[in-house]
C-alpha cells in the first residue's frame, strides 16, 4: 500500500471488523467461520513519505482503511485485518494523500514512463516472494468493484496443490512464486535450498534446478495467457526479482504464453525497466494526478 501525504502524522488503528470486504461490525471471520479478534494497533509516521504493502485499500464509513494480514491463533490461518488510517488528535493534519496498492503504483509507473509507455492498456506483474499485478486500462488504474483487481497470485490454475497464505490450494503464487521454487527444488535435491541458490544451480545447468524453474515459469506463462483471453491488455510487464532472470525464467514463460495463445491472438510480454524505483515513481504520478 502506498501512502503519500503533504504534511503531518497518522496512526493505524484497528476497527471492529477483521474480515475482508464485509462492512458490518462483526467479529466472525468470512474466511473460516471462526470468531477472533483483530490484530493489535500499529502506529506509524506515514505522512510525507510512502510505504508498501501488497493489499488493497477499502473505503469504510467514508474513511480509507488498509487491509492487513494477521495470524489467527485459533487455527493459524492468515486473514485480513482492517486498520483505519486516522489522524492523531492534536498532531498536524494530513492535508492531502493518495493511498493505493504497491503493484498498482508500480504498474502505473511502467505504463507512463517505462516498458508500457506506448500502450493504452497494460498489466504489471510482479513475481517475487508472492505474485501480484497492477491493471492499467485506458491509461487509468483499474481496481475493480471490490478493490481486489490484480490479485492474480490467488488465481487458481489448479484445483488442488500447495496451499497459499490464505489457505487456497492450487493458487498461482503457491505454485510459482519464489518460495514455491525453493520448496520444489528442496524436495528435488533432498536438502533445504533458497530461491537464489536454485537459480544459481539452474544457471550452472543442473537439471533438477532447471526443471523446477522452467516449470514455475511455464505455469506463470500459461496463467497470463488465460488472463489475456479475459482482459486482453496490449502489454504485460514483468517485474519483481525474477524479471532479472531473462534466460532462465522470462524466456520459458514467454514461450509458454505464446504457445497457449497460438492461433488466438498475440500476447506481448516485456520486462520492467524502472526496477525498484517503480513504486516511488508511480506514487508520485498518482500524487500529481496523472491517474486515479
C-alpha atoms as a PDB file:
ATOM      1  CA  UNK A   1       0.000   0.000   0.000  1.00  0.00           C
ATOM      2  CA  UNK A   2       1.448   3.341  -0.939  1.00  0.00           C
ATOM      3  CA  UNK A   3       0.500   6.386   1.092  1.00  0.00           C
ATOM      4  CA  UNK A   4       1.519   9.919   0.203  1.00  0.00           C
ATOM      5  CA  UNK A   5       0.785  12.904   2.388  1.00  0.00           C
ATOM      6  CA  UNK A   6       1.828  16.541   2.287  1.00  0.00           C
ATOM      7  CA  UNK A   7       2.408  17.001   5.987  1.00  0.00           C
ATOM      8  CA  UNK A   8       1.505  15.576   9.347  1.00  0.00           C
ATOM      9  CA  UNK A   9       1.387  12.300  11.170  1.00  0.00           C
ATOM     10  CA  UNK A  10      -1.134   9.486  11.147  1.00  0.00           C
ATOM     11  CA  UNK A  11      -1.735   6.310  13.086  1.00  0.00           C
ATOM     12  CA  UNK A  12      -3.137   2.905  12.161  1.00  0.00           C
ATOM     13  CA  UNK A  13      -5.971   1.920  14.486  1.00  0.00           C
ATOM     14  CA  UNK A  14      -7.911  -1.385  14.312  1.00  0.00           C
ATOM     15  CA  UNK A  15     -11.629  -1.244  13.688  1.00  0.00           C
ATOM     16  CA  UNK A  16     -14.239  -3.740  14.805  1.00  0.00           C
ATOM     17  CA  UNK A  17     -14.389  -5.985  11.769  1.00  0.00           C
ATOM     18  CA  UNK A  18     -11.372  -8.218  10.974  1.00  0.00           C
ATOM     19  CA  UNK A  19     -12.847  -9.763   7.839  1.00  0.00           C
ATOM     20  CA  UNK A  20     -12.116  -8.653   4.291  1.00  0.00           C
ATOM     21  CA  UNK A  21     -14.785  -6.967   2.236  1.00  0.00           C
ATOM     22  CA  UNK A  22     -17.541  -7.078   4.883  1.00  0.00           C
ATOM     23  CA  UNK A  23     -18.535  -3.695   6.249  1.00  0.00           C
ATOM     24  CA  UNK A  24     -20.756  -4.972   9.081  1.00  0.00           C
ATOM     25  CA  UNK A  25     -19.482  -4.692  12.631  1.00  0.00           C
ATOM     26  CA  UNK A  26     -18.868  -8.338  13.418  1.00  0.00           C
ATOM     27  CA  UNK A  27     -16.038 -10.452  14.760  1.00  0.00           C
ATOM     28  CA  UNK A  28     -16.960 -13.536  12.764  1.00  0.00           C
ATOM     29  CA  UNK A  29     -14.455 -14.232  10.016  1.00  0.00           C
ATOM     30  CA  UNK A  30     -15.802 -14.685   6.494  1.00  0.00           C
ATOM     31  CA  UNK A  31     -12.891 -16.930   5.578  1.00  0.00           C
ATOM     32  CA  UNK A  32     -13.055 -19.598   8.291  1.00  0.00           C
ATOM     33  CA  UNK A  33     -16.312 -19.015  10.174  1.00  0.00           C
ATOM     34  CA  UNK A  34     -14.500 -18.714  13.492  1.00  0.00           C
ATOM     35  CA  UNK A  35     -14.631 -15.710  15.797  1.00  0.00           C
ATOM     36  CA  UNK A  36     -11.375 -13.952  16.605  1.00  0.00           C
ATOM     37  CA  UNK A  37     -10.043 -10.524  17.495  1.00  0.00           C
ATOM     38  CA  UNK A  38      -8.377  -8.103  15.085  1.00  0.00           C
ATOM     39  CA  UNK A  39      -4.630  -7.591  15.382  1.00  0.00           C
ATOM     40  CA  UNK A  40      -3.085  -5.099  17.744  1.00  0.00           C
ATOM     41  CA  UNK A  41      -2.948  -1.465  16.768  1.00  0.00           C
ATOM     42  CA  UNK A  42       0.056  -0.115  14.941  1.00  0.00           C
ATOM     43  CA  UNK A  43       1.167   3.477  14.985  1.00  0.00           C
ATOM     44  CA  UNK A  44       3.480   4.960  12.410  1.00  0.00           C
ATOM     45  CA  UNK A  45       4.524   8.194  10.801  1.00  0.00           C
ATOM     46  CA  UNK A  46       3.372   7.966   7.212  1.00  0.00           C
ATOM     47  CA  UNK A  47       2.627  11.462   6.012  1.00  0.00           C
ATOM     48  CA  UNK A  48       5.105  12.968   3.598  1.00  0.00           C
ATOM     49  CA  UNK A  49       6.541   9.557   2.723  1.00  0.00           C
ATOM     50  CA  UNK A  50       5.451   6.341   1.120  1.00  0.00           C
ATOM     51  CA  UNK A  51       5.312   2.725   2.248  1.00  0.00           C
ATOM     52  CA  UNK A  52       4.236  -0.510   0.620  1.00  0.00           C
ATOM     53  CA  UNK A  53       2.000  -3.447   1.431  1.00  0.00           C
ATOM     54  CA  UNK A  54       0.543  -5.916  -1.077  1.00  0.00           C
ATOM     55  CA  UNK A  55      -3.113  -5.476  -0.166  1.00  0.00           C
ATOM     56  CA  UNK A  56      -5.928  -3.274  -1.488  1.00  0.00           C
ATOM     57  CA  UNK A  57      -7.321  -0.250   0.327  1.00  0.00           C
ATOM     58  CA  UNK A  58     -11.020  -0.011   1.042  1.00  0.00           C
ATOM     59  CA  UNK A  59     -13.384   2.787   1.943  1.00  0.00           C
ATOM     60  CA  UNK A  60     -15.306   2.037   5.144  1.00  0.00           C
ATOM     61  CA  UNK A  61     -17.745   4.576   6.553  1.00  0.00           C
ATOM     62  CA  UNK A  62     -16.149   7.326   4.479  1.00  0.00           C
ATOM     63  CA  UNK A  63     -12.595   6.728   5.675  1.00  0.00           C
ATOM     64  CA  UNK A  64      -9.708   4.970   3.981  1.00  0.00           C
ATOM     65  CA  UNK A  65      -8.619   1.754   5.635  1.00  0.00           C
ATOM     66  CA  UNK A  66      -5.764  -0.600   4.911  1.00  0.00           C
ATOM     67  CA  UNK A  67      -6.181  -4.356   4.591  1.00  0.00           C
ATOM     68  CA  UNK A  68      -3.550  -6.079   6.704  1.00  0.00           C
ATOM     69  CA  UNK A  69      -2.556  -9.710   7.077  1.00  0.00           C
ATOM     70  CA  UNK A  70      -2.580 -11.171  10.571  1.00  0.00           C
ATOM     71  CA  UNK A  71      -2.108 -14.618  12.068  1.00  0.00           C
ATOM     72  CA  UNK A  72      -5.126 -16.021  13.892  1.00  0.00           C
ATOM     73  CA  UNK A  73      -4.106 -18.123  16.934  1.00  0.00           C
ATOM     74  CA  UNK A  74      -7.188 -20.381  16.834  1.00  0.00           C
ATOM     75  CA  UNK A  75      -6.245 -22.050  13.585  1.00  0.00           C
ATOM     76  CA  UNK A  76      -3.046 -20.493  12.281  1.00  0.00           C
ATOM     77  CA  UNK A  77      -4.644 -19.172   9.100  1.00  0.00           C
ATOM     78  CA  UNK A  78      -3.781 -15.749   7.747  1.00  0.00           C
ATOM     79  CA  UNK A  79      -6.508 -13.154   7.493  1.00  0.00           C
ATOM     80  CA  UNK A  80      -7.107  -9.583   6.530  1.00  0.00           C
ATOM     81  CA  UNK A  81      -7.439  -7.174   9.416  1.00  0.00           C
ATOM     82  CA  UNK A  82      -8.816  -3.756   8.654  1.00  0.00           C
ATOM     83  CA  UNK A  83      -6.969  -0.843  10.200  1.00  0.00           C
ATOM     84  CA  UNK A  84      -8.185   2.703   9.924  1.00  0.00           C
ATOM     85  CA  UNK A  85      -5.878   5.442   8.727  1.00  0.00           C
ATOM     86  CA  UNK A  86      -6.745   8.076  11.347  1.00  0.00           C
ATOM     87  CA  UNK A  87      -5.264  11.400  12.264  1.00  0.00           C
ATOM     88  CA  UNK A  88      -3.874  11.536  15.753  1.00  0.00           C
ATOM     89  CA  UNK A  89      -5.615  14.199  17.821  1.00  0.00           C
ATOM     90  CA  UNK A  90      -3.502  17.278  18.422  1.00  0.00           C
ATOM     91  CA  UNK A  91      -0.938  16.479  15.719  1.00  0.00           C
ATOM     92  CA  UNK A  92      -0.512  18.142  12.343  1.00  0.00           C
ATOM     93  CA  UNK A  93      -3.237  17.235   9.886  1.00  0.00           C
ATOM     94  CA  UNK A  94      -2.730  15.308   6.681  1.00  0.00           C
ATOM     95  CA  UNK A  95      -3.567  17.913   4.053  1.00  0.00           C
ATOM     96  CA  UNK A  96      -3.815  15.606   1.070  1.00  0.00           C
ATOM     97  CA  UNK A  97      -2.997  11.983   0.379  1.00  0.00           C
ATOM     98  CA  UNK A  98      -3.235   9.163  -2.123  1.00  0.00           C
ATOM     99  CA  UNK A  99      -3.408   5.560  -0.985  1.00  0.00           C
ATOM    100  CA  UNK A 100      -3.016   2.585  -3.267  1.00  0.00           C
ATOM    101  CA  UNK A 101      -1.680  -0.918  -3.710  1.00  0.00           C
ATOM    102  CA  UNK A 102       2.062  -1.179  -4.373  1.00  0.00           C
ATOM    103  CA  UNK A 103       1.605  -3.224  -7.559  1.00  0.00           C
ATOM    104  CA  UNK A 104      -0.893  -0.656  -8.844  1.00  0.00           C
ATOM    105  CA  UNK A 105       1.512   2.257  -8.490  1.00  0.00           C
ATOM    106  CA  UNK A 106       4.442   0.261  -9.902  1.00  0.00           C
ATOM    107  CA  UNK A 107       2.240  -0.674 -12.841  1.00  0.00           C
ATOM    108  CA  UNK A 108       1.260   2.952 -13.288  1.00  0.00           C
ATOM    109  CA  UNK A 109       4.921   3.957 -13.394  1.00  0.00           C
ATOM    110  CA  UNK A 110       5.780   1.345 -16.020  1.00  0.00           C
ATOM    111  CA  UNK A 111       2.715   2.375 -18.014  1.00  0.00           C
ATOM    112  CA  UNK A 112       3.508   6.088 -18.039  1.00  0.00           C
ATOM    113  CA  UNK A 113       7.303   6.100 -18.043  1.00  0.00           C
ATOM    114  CA  UNK A 114       8.515   2.540 -18.565  1.00  0.00           C
ATOM    115  CA  UNK A 115       8.057  -0.616 -20.590  1.00  0.00           C
ATOM    116  CA  UNK A 116       4.394   0.016 -21.471  1.00  0.00           C
ATOM    117  CA  UNK A 117       4.551   3.732 -22.230  1.00  0.00           C
ATOM    118  CA  UNK A 118       3.387   3.118 -25.822  1.00  0.00           C
ATOM    119  CA  UNK A 119       0.233   1.240 -24.735  1.00  0.00           C
ATOM    120  CA  UNK A 120      -3.187   2.368 -23.515  1.00  0.00           C
ATOM    121  CA  UNK A 121      -3.706  -0.838 -21.522  1.00  0.00           C
ATOM    122  CA  UNK A 122      -1.113  -2.857 -19.651  1.00  0.00           C
ATOM    123  CA  UNK A 123      -0.807  -5.230 -16.740  1.00  0.00           C
ATOM    124  CA  UNK A 124       2.234  -5.144 -14.496  1.00  0.00           C
ATOM    125  CA  UNK A 125       3.016  -8.475 -12.835  1.00  0.00           C
ATOM    126  CA  UNK A 126       5.491  -8.861 -10.011  1.00  0.00           C
ATOM    127  CA  UNK A 127       6.883 -12.306  -9.286  1.00  0.00           C
ATOM    128  CA  UNK A 128       8.933 -12.427  -6.123  1.00  0.00           C
ATOM    129  CA  UNK A 129       8.014 -13.810  -2.696  1.00  0.00           C
ATOM    130  CA  UNK A 130       4.451 -13.564  -3.933  1.00  0.00           C
ATOM    131  CA  UNK A 131       2.717 -12.791  -7.215  1.00  0.00           C
ATOM    132  CA  UNK A 132       0.611  -9.687  -7.743  1.00  0.00           C
ATOM    133  CA  UNK A 133      -0.426  -7.345 -10.506  1.00  0.00           C
ATOM    134  CA  UNK A 134      -1.459  -3.801 -11.281  1.00  0.00           C
ATOM    135  CA  UNK A 135      -4.017  -3.285 -14.051  1.00  0.00           C
ATOM    136  CA  UNK A 136      -3.884  -0.108 -16.132  1.00  0.00           C
ATOM    137  CA  UNK A 137      -6.824   0.068 -18.528  1.00  0.00           C
ATOM    138  CA  UNK A 138      -7.341   3.063 -20.820  1.00  0.00           C
ATOM    139  CA  UNK A 139      -4.417   4.752 -19.039  1.00  0.00           C
ATOM    140  CA  UNK A 140      -6.051   4.514 -15.605  1.00  0.00           C
ATOM    141  CA  UNK A 141      -5.600   2.184 -12.659  1.00  0.00           C
ATOM    142  CA  UNK A 142      -8.360  -0.406 -12.591  1.00  0.00           C
ATOM    143  CA  UNK A 143      -9.108  -1.532  -9.012  1.00  0.00           C
ATOM    144  CA  UNK A 144     -12.287  -3.497  -9.631  1.00  0.00           C
ATOM    145  CA  UNK A 145     -15.640  -3.393  -7.847  1.00  0.00           C
ATOM    146  CA  UNK A 146     -14.150  -4.517  -4.518  1.00  0.00           C
ATOM    147  CA  UNK A 147     -10.603  -3.205  -4.816  1.00  0.00           C
ATOM    148  CA  UNK A 148      -9.099  -6.641  -5.418  1.00  0.00           C
ATOM    149  CA  UNK A 149      -8.328  -6.393  -9.148  1.00  0.00           C
ATOM    150  CA  UNK A 150      -4.796  -7.622  -9.765  1.00  0.00           C
ATOM    151  CA  UNK A 151      -4.643 -10.273  -7.036  1.00  0.00           C
ATOM    152  CA  UNK A 152      -3.538 -12.826  -9.609  1.00  0.00           C
ATOM    153  CA  UNK A 153      -1.390 -14.666  -7.091  1.00  0.00           C
ATOM    154  CA  UNK A 154      -4.692 -16.151  -5.930  1.00  0.00           C
ATOM    155  CA  UNK A 155      -5.811 -17.063  -9.431  1.00  0.00           C
ATOM    156  CA  UNK A 156      -6.061 -20.851  -9.319  1.00  0.00           C
ATOM    157  CA  UNK A 157      -4.621 -22.638 -12.352  1.00  0.00           C
ATOM    158  CA  UNK A 158      -5.037 -25.965 -10.495  1.00  0.00           C
ATOM    159  CA  UNK A 159      -7.919 -27.427  -8.481  1.00  0.00           C
ATOM    160  CA  UNK A 160      -5.561 -28.671  -5.808  1.00  0.00           C
ATOM    161  CA  UNK A 161      -1.907 -28.474  -4.888  1.00  0.00           C
ATOM    162  CA  UNK A 162       0.183 -26.441  -2.459  1.00  0.00           C
ATOM    163  CA  UNK A 163      -1.739 -24.029  -0.254  1.00  0.00           C
ATOM    164  CA  UNK A 164      -1.233 -20.276  -0.434  1.00  0.00           C
ATOM    165  CA  UNK A 165      -1.098 -17.869   2.504  1.00  0.00           C
ATOM    166  CA  UNK A 166      -4.892 -17.555   2.503  1.00  0.00           C
ATOM    167  CA  UNK A 167      -5.396 -21.314   2.580  1.00  0.00           C
ATOM    168  CA  UNK A 168      -6.350 -21.727  -1.073  1.00  0.00           C
ATOM    169  CA  UNK A 169      -4.946 -24.854  -2.771  1.00  0.00           C
ATOM    170  CA  UNK A 170      -3.508 -24.533  -6.264  1.00  0.00           C
ATOM    171  CA  UNK A 171      -3.078 -20.750  -6.248  1.00  0.00           C
ATOM    172  CA  UNK A 172      -0.582 -19.335  -8.720  1.00  0.00           C
ATOM    173  CA  UNK A 173       1.823 -17.970  -6.117  1.00  0.00           C
ATOM    174  CA  UNK A 174       1.766 -21.274  -4.223  1.00  0.00           C
ATOM    175  CA  UNK A 175       2.864 -22.955  -7.454  1.00  0.00           C
ATOM    176  CA  UNK A 176       5.322 -20.495  -8.982  1.00  0.00           C
ATOM    177  CA  UNK A 177       6.485 -17.668  -6.670  1.00  0.00           C
ATOM    178  CA  UNK A 178       9.976 -17.600  -5.181  1.00  0.00           C
ATOM    179  CA  UNK A 179       9.161 -19.657  -2.052  1.00  0.00           C
ATOM    180  CA  UNK A 180       7.411 -22.255  -4.221  1.00  0.00           C
ATOM    181  CA  UNK A 181      10.514 -22.577  -6.400  1.00  0.00           C
ATOM    182  CA  UNK A 182      12.668 -23.029  -3.289  1.00  0.00           C
ATOM    183  CA  UNK A 183      10.237 -25.584  -1.853  1.00  0.00           C
ATOM    184  CA  UNK A 184      10.088 -27.690  -5.001  1.00  0.00           C
ATOM    185  CA  UNK A 185      13.851 -27.574  -5.533  1.00  0.00           C
ATOM    186  CA  UNK A 186      14.463 -28.531  -1.904  1.00  0.00           C
ATOM    187  CA  UNK A 187      12.249 -31.579  -2.410  1.00  0.00           C
ATOM    188  CA  UNK A 188      14.074 -32.476  -5.641  1.00  0.00           C
ATOM    189  CA  UNK A 189      17.521 -32.206  -4.038  1.00  0.00           C
ATOM    190  CA  UNK A 190      16.594 -33.597  -0.651  1.00  0.00           C
ATOM    191  CA  UNK A 191      18.067 -30.575   1.119  1.00  0.00           C
ATOM    192  CA  UNK A 192      16.983 -27.079   2.045  1.00  0.00           C
ATOM    193  CA  UNK A 193      17.642 -24.560  -0.744  1.00  0.00           C
ATOM    194  CA  UNK A 194      16.833 -20.868  -1.066  1.00  0.00           C
ATOM    195  CA  UNK A 195      15.416 -19.318  -4.215  1.00  0.00           C
ATOM    196  CA  UNK A 196      18.680 -17.584  -5.108  1.00  0.00           C
ATOM    197  CA  UNK A 197      20.640 -20.816  -4.822  1.00  0.00           C
ATOM    198  CA  UNK A 198      18.098 -22.592  -7.017  1.00  0.00           C
ATOM    199  CA  UNK A 199      18.616 -20.012  -9.772  1.00  0.00           C
ATOM    200  CA  UNK A 200      22.394 -20.238  -9.339  1.00  0.00           C
ATOM    201  CA  UNK A 201      22.235 -24.010  -9.776  1.00  0.00           C
ATOM    202  CA  UNK A 202      19.956 -23.607 -12.795  1.00  0.00           C
ATOM    203  CA  UNK A 203      22.402 -21.118 -14.311  1.00  0.00           C
ATOM    204  CA  UNK A 204      25.137 -23.765 -13.944  1.00  0.00           C
ATOM    205  CA  UNK A 205      22.965 -26.169 -15.903  1.00  0.00           C
ATOM    206  CA  UNK A 206      21.896 -28.507 -13.092  1.00  0.00           C
ATOM    207  CA  UNK A 207      18.923 -30.371 -14.494  1.00  0.00           C
ATOM    208  CA  UNK A 208      16.876 -30.601 -11.282  1.00  0.00           C
ATOM    209  CA  UNK A 209      17.074 -26.868 -10.668  1.00  0.00           C
ATOM    210  CA  UNK A 210      16.368 -26.112 -14.329  1.00  0.00           C
ATOM    211  CA  UNK A 211      13.295 -28.341 -14.288  1.00  0.00           C
ATOM    212  CA  UNK A 212      11.869 -26.599 -11.219  1.00  0.00           C
ATOM    213  CA  UNK A 213      12.500 -23.072 -12.527  1.00  0.00           C
ATOM    214  CA  UNK A 214      11.207 -23.867 -16.024  1.00  0.00           C
ATOM    215  CA  UNK A 215       8.040 -25.467 -14.676  1.00  0.00           C
ATOM    216  CA  UNK A 216       7.309 -22.423 -12.496  1.00  0.00           C
ATOM    217  CA  UNK A 217       7.929 -20.086 -15.433  1.00  0.00           C
ATOM    218  CA  UNK A 218       5.611 -22.089 -17.687  1.00  0.00           C
ATOM    219  CA  UNK A 219       2.847 -22.081 -15.059  1.00  0.00           C
ATOM    220  CA  UNK A 220       3.017 -18.292 -14.916  1.00  0.00           C
ATOM    221  CA  UNK A 221       3.119 -18.062 -18.712  1.00  0.00           C
ATOM    222  CA  UNK A 222       0.046 -20.244 -19.197  1.00  0.00           C
ATOM    223  CA  UNK A 223      -1.759 -18.301 -16.471  1.00  0.00           C
ATOM    224  CA  UNK A 224      -1.032 -14.991 -18.211  1.00  0.00           C
ATOM    225  CA  UNK A 225      -2.326 -16.464 -21.459  1.00  0.00           C
ATOM    226  CA  UNK A 226      -5.548 -17.492 -19.711  1.00  0.00           C
ATOM    227  CA  UNK A 227      -5.948 -13.977 -18.333  1.00  0.00           C
ATOM    228  CA  UNK A 228      -5.130 -12.495 -21.751  1.00  0.00           C
ATOM    229  CA  UNK A 229      -8.283 -14.166 -23.039  1.00  0.00           C
ATOM    230  CA  UNK A 230     -10.311 -12.442 -20.330  1.00  0.00           C
ATOM    231  CA  UNK A 231      -8.773  -8.949 -20.074  1.00  0.00           C
ATOM    232  CA  UNK A 232      -6.844  -8.713 -23.368  1.00  0.00           C
ATOM    233  CA  UNK A 233      -4.302  -5.999 -22.470  1.00  0.00           C
ATOM    234  CA  UNK A 234      -1.935  -4.641 -25.087  1.00  0.00           C
ATOM    235  CA  UNK A 235       1.153  -5.379 -22.983  1.00  0.00           C
ATOM    236  CA  UNK A 236       2.197  -7.433 -19.964  1.00  0.00           C
ATOM    237  CA  UNK A 237       5.130  -6.074 -17.965  1.00  0.00           C
ATOM    238  CA  UNK A 238       7.050  -8.429 -15.693  1.00  0.00           C
ATOM    239  CA  UNK A 239       8.763  -7.079 -12.582  1.00  0.00           C
ATOM    240  CA  UNK A 240       9.965  -8.389  -9.259  1.00  0.00           C
ATOM    241  CA  UNK A 241      13.045 -10.458  -8.588  1.00  0.00           C
ATOM    242  CA  UNK A 242      12.505 -12.899 -11.431  1.00  0.00           C
ATOM    243  CA  UNK A 243      12.439 -10.129 -14.028  1.00  0.00           C
ATOM    244  CA  UNK A 244      16.242 -10.193 -13.770  1.00  0.00           C
ATOM    245  CA  UNK A 245      16.242 -13.828 -14.896  1.00  0.00           C
ATOM    246  CA  UNK A 246      15.628 -13.355 -18.607  1.00  0.00           C
ATOM    247  CA  UNK A 247      17.080 -16.632 -19.877  1.00  0.00           C
ATOM    248  CA  UNK A 248      16.013 -18.893 -17.024  1.00  0.00           C
ATOM    249  CA  UNK A 249      12.537 -17.557 -16.274  1.00  0.00           C
ATOM    250  CA  UNK A 250      11.267 -14.930 -18.717  1.00  0.00           C
ATOM    251  CA  UNK A 251      12.087 -16.832 -21.901  1.00  0.00           C
ATOM    252  CA  UNK A 252      10.277 -20.082 -20.924  1.00  0.00           C
ATOM    253  CA  UNK A 253       7.419 -18.009 -19.502  1.00  0.00           C
ATOM    254  CA  UNK A 254       7.041 -16.091 -22.756  1.00  0.00           C
ATOM    255  CA  UNK A 255       7.289 -19.286 -24.810  1.00  0.00           C
ATOM    256  CA  UNK A 256       4.551 -20.985 -22.766  1.00  0.00           C
ATOM    257  CA  UNK A 257       2.277 -17.942 -23.055  1.00  0.00           C
ATOM    258  CA  UNK A 258       2.774 -17.625 -26.802  1.00  0.00           C
ATOM    259  CA  UNK A 259       2.169 -21.353 -27.265  1.00  0.00           C
ATOM    260  CA  UNK A 260      -1.094 -21.103 -25.297  1.00  0.00           C
ATOM    261  CA  UNK A 261      -2.218 -18.113 -27.414  1.00  0.00           C
ATOM    262  CA  UNK A 262      -1.194 -19.542 -30.772  1.00  0.00           C
ATOM    263  CA  UNK A 263      -3.964 -19.139 -33.341  1.00  0.00           C
ATOM    264  CA  UNK A 264      -5.974 -16.895 -30.996  1.00  0.00           C
ATOM    265  CA  UNK A 265      -4.250 -13.538 -30.599  1.00  0.00           C
ATOM    266  CA  UNK A 266      -0.764 -12.206 -29.915  1.00  0.00           C
ATOM    267  CA  UNK A 267       0.443 -11.791 -26.339  1.00  0.00           C
ATOM    268  CA  UNK A 268       3.155  -9.198 -25.720  1.00  0.00           C
ATOM    269  CA  UNK A 269       5.306  -9.711 -22.644  1.00  0.00           C
ATOM    270  CA  UNK A 270       8.043  -7.255 -21.709  1.00  0.00           C
ATOM    271  CA  UNK A 271      10.334  -6.894 -18.730  1.00  0.00           C
ATOM    272  CA  UNK A 272      10.071  -3.895 -16.419  1.00  0.00           C
ATOM    273  CA  UNK A 273      12.632  -1.123 -16.870  1.00  0.00           C
ATOM    274  CA  UNK A 274      12.208   1.057 -13.778  1.00  0.00           C
ATOM    275  CA  UNK A 275      13.383  -1.520 -11.238  1.00  0.00           C
ATOM    276  CA  UNK A 276      12.964  -0.715  -7.551  1.00  0.00           C
ATOM    277  CA  UNK A 277      12.103   2.914  -8.390  1.00  0.00           C
ATOM    278  CA  UNK A 278       8.762   1.934  -9.924  1.00  0.00           C
ATOM    279  CA  UNK A 279       6.762   2.190  -6.706  1.00  0.00           C
ATOM    280  CA  UNK A 280       8.078   5.642  -5.833  1.00  0.00           C
ATOM    281  CA  UNK A 281       7.654   6.915  -9.394  1.00  0.00           C
ATOM    282  CA  UNK A 282       4.104   5.559  -9.575  1.00  0.00           C
ATOM    283  CA  UNK A 283       3.197   7.027  -6.195  1.00  0.00           C
ATOM    284  CA  UNK A 284       4.479  10.405  -7.361  1.00  0.00           C
ATOM    285  CA  UNK A 285       2.429  10.108 -10.560  1.00  0.00           C
ATOM    286  CA  UNK A 286      -0.673   9.265  -8.555  1.00  0.00           C
ATOM    287  CA  UNK A 287       0.080  12.147  -6.184  1.00  0.00           C
ATOM    288  CA  UNK A 288       0.400  14.588  -9.056  1.00  0.00           C
ATOM    289  CA  UNK A 289      -2.872  13.464 -10.564  1.00  0.00           C
ATOM    290  CA  UNK A 290      -1.593  11.572 -13.569  1.00  0.00           C
ATOM    291  CA  UNK A 291      -4.138   8.802 -12.971  1.00  0.00           C
ATOM    292  CA  UNK A 292      -6.830   7.861 -10.483  1.00  0.00           C
END
